[in-house]
C-alpha atoms as a PDB file:
ATOM      1  CA  MET A   1     158.969 114.080 164.252  1.00  0.00           C
ATOM      2  CA  PRO A   2     156.389 111.209 165.101  1.00  0.00           C
ATOM      3  CA  VAL A   3     153.538 113.730 166.195  1.00  0.00           C
ATOM      4  CA  VAL A   4     153.329 115.098 162.725  1.00  0.00           C
ATOM      5  CA  GLU A   5     153.234 111.437 161.133  1.00  0.00           C
ATOM      6  CA  ASP A   6     150.712 110.697 163.438  1.00  0.00           C
ATOM      7  CA  LYS A   7     148.657 113.373 162.533  1.00  0.00           C
ATOM      8  CA  VAL A   8     148.894 112.753 158.627  1.00  0.00           C
ATOM      9  CA  SER A   9     147.938 109.271 159.479  1.00  0.00           C
ATOM     10  CA  GLU A  10     145.089 110.151 161.593  1.00  0.00           C
ATOM     11  CA  GLN A  11     144.014 112.192 159.123  1.00  0.00           C
ATOM     12  CA  SER A  12     143.851 109.961 156.266  1.00  0.00           C
ATOM     13  CA  ALA A  13     142.187 106.901 158.312  1.00  0.00           C
ATOM     14  CA  ARG A  14     139.577 110.175 158.938  1.00  0.00           C
ATOM     15  CA  ALA A  15     139.580 110.204 155.279  1.00  0.00           C
ATOM     16  CA  THR A  16     138.913 106.488 154.470  1.00  0.00           C
ATOM     17  CA  ARG A  17     136.177 106.117 157.028  1.00  0.00           C
ATOM     18  CA  GLY A  18     134.090 109.173 155.837  1.00  0.00           C
ATOM     19  CA  SER A  19     134.416 107.816 152.046  1.00  0.00           C
ATOM     20  CA  GLU A  20     133.038 104.593 153.365  1.00  0.00           C
ATOM     21  CA  LYS A  21     129.874 105.970 154.576  1.00  0.00           C
ATOM     22  CA  GLY A  22     129.423 107.942 151.482  1.00  0.00           C
ATOM     23  CA  ARG A  23     130.040 105.268 149.229  1.00  0.00           C
ATOM     24  CA  ILE A  24     126.170 103.816 150.532  1.00  0.00           C
ATOM     25  CA  VAL A  25     124.667 106.766 149.437  1.00  0.00           C
ATOM     26  CA  PRO A  26     124.170 106.290 145.886  1.00  0.00           C
ATOM     27  CA  PHE A  27     123.037 102.736 146.563  1.00  0.00           C
ATOM     28  CA  ILE A  28     120.428 104.308 149.054  1.00  0.00           C
ATOM     29  CA  VAL A  29     119.312 106.706 146.212  1.00  0.00           C
ATOM     30  CA  VAL A  30     118.879 104.029 143.561  1.00  0.00           C
ATOM     31  CA  GLY A  31     117.323 101.504 145.372  1.00  0.00           C
ATOM     32  CA  SER A  32     114.609 104.297 146.644  1.00  0.00           C
ATOM     33  CA  VAL A  33     114.027 105.584 143.452  1.00  0.00           C
ATOM     34  CA  CYS A  34     113.566 101.782 142.347  1.00  0.00           C
ATOM     35  CA  ALA A  35     111.099 101.113 144.763  1.00  0.00           C
ATOM     36  CA  GLY A  36     109.211 104.017 144.492  1.00  0.00           C
ATOM     37  CA  LEU A  37     108.646 103.448 140.536  1.00  0.00           C
ATOM     38  CA  LEU A  38     107.497  99.857 141.166  1.00  0.00           C
ATOM     39  CA  CYS A  39     105.030 101.484 143.706  1.00  0.00           C
ATOM     40  CA  LEU A  40     104.075 103.700 140.875  1.00  0.00           C
ATOM     41  CA  PHE A  41     103.997 101.341 138.147  1.00  0.00           C
ATOM     42  CA  HIS A  42     101.776  99.175 140.839  1.00  0.00           C
ATOM     43  CA  TYR A  43      99.257 101.731 141.281  1.00  0.00           C
ATOM     44  CA  LEU A  44      98.814 102.132 137.870  1.00  0.00           C
ATOM     45  CA  ALA A  45      98.838  98.402 136.773  1.00  0.00           C
ATOM     46  CA  PRO A  46      98.868  95.686 139.050  1.00  0.00           C
ATOM     47  CA  LEU A  47     102.176  93.804 138.239  1.00  0.00           C
ATOM     48  CA  GLU A  48     102.476  90.235 137.833  1.00  0.00           C
ATOM     49  CA  ILE A  49     105.885  88.742 139.981  1.00  0.00           C
ATOM     50  CA  ALA A  50     106.841  86.335 137.190  1.00  0.00           C
ATOM     51  CA  SER A  51     107.051  89.579 134.722  1.00  0.00           C
ATOM     52  CA  VAL A  52     108.630  91.407 137.586  1.00  0.00           C
ATOM     53  CA  THR A  53     111.052  88.787 138.186  1.00  0.00           C
ATOM     54  CA  ALA A  54     112.192  87.986 135.075  1.00  0.00           C
ATOM     55  CA  TYR A  55     112.634  91.927 133.977  1.00  0.00           C
ATOM     56  CA  ALA A  56     114.597  92.372 136.761  1.00  0.00           C
ATOM     57  CA  GLY A  57     116.827  89.714 135.740  1.00  0.00           C
ATOM     58  CA  ILE A  58     117.307  90.773 132.590  1.00  0.00           C
ATOM     59  CA  VAL A  59     118.269  94.514 133.721  1.00  0.00           C
ATOM     60  CA  ILE A  60     120.852  92.385 136.325  1.00  0.00           C
ATOM     61  CA  ALA A  61     122.291  91.017 133.958  1.00  0.00           C
ATOM     62  CA  LEU A  62     122.766  93.542 131.556  1.00  0.00           C
ATOM     63  CA  GLY A  63     123.998  95.604 134.193  1.00  0.00           C
ATOM     64  CA  ALA A  64     126.506  92.980 135.391  1.00  0.00           C
ATOM     65  CA  LEU A  65     127.400  92.267 131.316  1.00  0.00           C
ATOM     66  CA  VAL A  66     128.386  96.179 131.188  1.00  0.00           C
ATOM     67  CA  CYS A  67     130.631  95.665 134.655  1.00  0.00           C
ATOM     68  CA  LEU A  68     131.996  92.295 132.741  1.00  0.00           C
ATOM     69  CA  ILE A  69     133.837  94.621 130.276  1.00  0.00           C
ATOM     70  CA  LYS A  70     134.568  97.542 131.962  1.00  0.00           C
ATOM     71  CA  PRO A  71     134.132  96.964 135.940  1.00  0.00           C
ATOM     72  CA  ILE A  72     132.891 100.481 137.264  1.00  0.00           C
ATOM     73  CA  TRP A  73     132.914 101.226 140.932  1.00  0.00           C
ATOM     74  CA  TRP A  74     128.947 102.663 141.679  1.00  0.00           C
ATOM     75  CA  PRO A  75     126.948  99.567 141.326  1.00  0.00           C
ATOM     76  CA  GLY A  76     129.381  97.746 143.624  1.00  0.00           C
ATOM     77  CA  ILE A  77     130.631  95.052 140.811  1.00  0.00           C
ATOM     78  CA  ARG A  78     134.531  96.074 141.158  1.00  0.00           C
ATOM     79  CA  ARG A  79     135.735  92.553 139.867  1.00  0.00           C
ATOM     80  CA  ARG A  80     134.937  90.466 136.668  1.00  0.00           C
ATOM     81  CA  LYS A  81     134.285  87.330 139.180  1.00  0.00           C
ATOM     82  CA  VAL A  82     131.574  89.408 140.423  1.00  0.00           C
ATOM     83  CA  ALA A  83     130.447  90.450 137.402  1.00  0.00           C
ATOM     84  CA  ALA A  84     130.098  87.356 135.910  1.00  0.00           C
ATOM     85  CA  LEU A  85     128.370  86.052 139.311  1.00  0.00           C
ATOM     86  CA  ALA A  86     126.103  89.045 138.833  1.00  0.00           C
ATOM     87  CA  ILE A  87     125.184  87.672 135.193  1.00  0.00           C
ATOM     88  CA  LEU A  88     124.433  84.419 136.771  1.00  0.00           C
ATOM     89  CA  ALA A  89     122.255  85.302 139.004  1.00  0.00           C
ATOM     90  CA  GLY A  90     120.373  87.508 136.636  1.00  0.00           C
ATOM     91  CA  VAL A  91     119.922  84.750 133.988  1.00  0.00           C
ATOM     92  CA  ALA A  92     118.830  82.486 136.998  1.00  0.00           C
ATOM     93  CA  LEU A  93     116.136  85.280 138.064  1.00  0.00           C
ATOM     94  CA  VAL A  94     115.253  85.731 134.105  1.00  0.00           C
ATOM     95  CA  LEU A  95     114.559  81.711 134.510  1.00  0.00           C
ATOM     96  CA  VAL A  96     112.735  81.567 137.581  1.00  0.00           C
ATOM     97  CA  GLY A  97     110.505  84.213 135.864  1.00  0.00           C
ATOM     98  CA  LEU A  98     110.049  82.350 132.841  1.00  0.00           C
ATOM     99  CA  PHE A  99     108.732  79.069 134.393  1.00  0.00           C
ATOM    100  CA  TRP A 100     106.888  80.535 137.288  1.00  0.00           C
ATOM    101  CA  PRO A 101     103.659  79.188 136.951  1.00  0.00           C
ATOM    102  CA  SER A 102     100.592  81.387 135.829  1.00  0.00           C
ATOM    103  CA  GLY A 103      97.456  81.911 137.525  1.00  0.00           C
ATOM    104  CA  VAL A 104      94.131  80.666 136.923  1.00  0.00           C
ATOM    105  CA  VAL A 105      91.869  83.453 135.278  1.00  0.00           C
ATOM    106  CA  ARG A 106      88.008  82.827 135.233  1.00  0.00           C
ATOM    107  CA  THR A 107      85.539  84.883 133.350  1.00  0.00           C
ATOM    108  CA  GLU A 108      81.882  85.199 133.567  1.00  0.00           C
ATOM    109  CA  ALA A 109      79.607  82.762 131.739  1.00  0.00           C
ATOM    110  CA  LEU A 110      78.221  84.378 128.476  1.00  0.00           C
ATOM    111  CA  GLU A 111      74.663  84.033 128.660  1.00  0.00           C
ATOM    112  CA  GLY A 112      72.542  86.970 127.814  1.00  0.00           C
ATOM    113  CA  ARG A 113      75.109  88.663 126.119  1.00  0.00           C
ATOM    114  CA  GLY A 114      74.295  88.097 122.643  1.00  0.00           C
ATOM    115  CA  THR A 115      76.021  84.604 122.485  1.00  0.00           C
ATOM    116  CA  ASP A 116      73.588  81.853 120.603  1.00  0.00           C
ATOM    117  CA  ASN A 117      73.663  79.919 124.100  1.00  0.00           C
END
């Protein structure tokens, strides 16, 4: 009889190992899609790091708020404590994006363009 129990425990151990590897695939897919979209948006119009940081913080905070209300498994936030920490991280990113110093933009002189100079 011990041989049967060993086979059952070995099969359940294999199933557990396989499911752990399968859990990372959605993260890779979502990360790849986000990176591809970010590259596409940057190609179409150059992105400012401050606005990307602020919007990323908003998305993270809203997603974590959903997980705080009802914890879901696929974003990797299974406990409400982790969701609360993710909300704080999202708010921190928003604040970093808002207080990021803006760059200096210089334009050409307006001589010869119909001005009174």
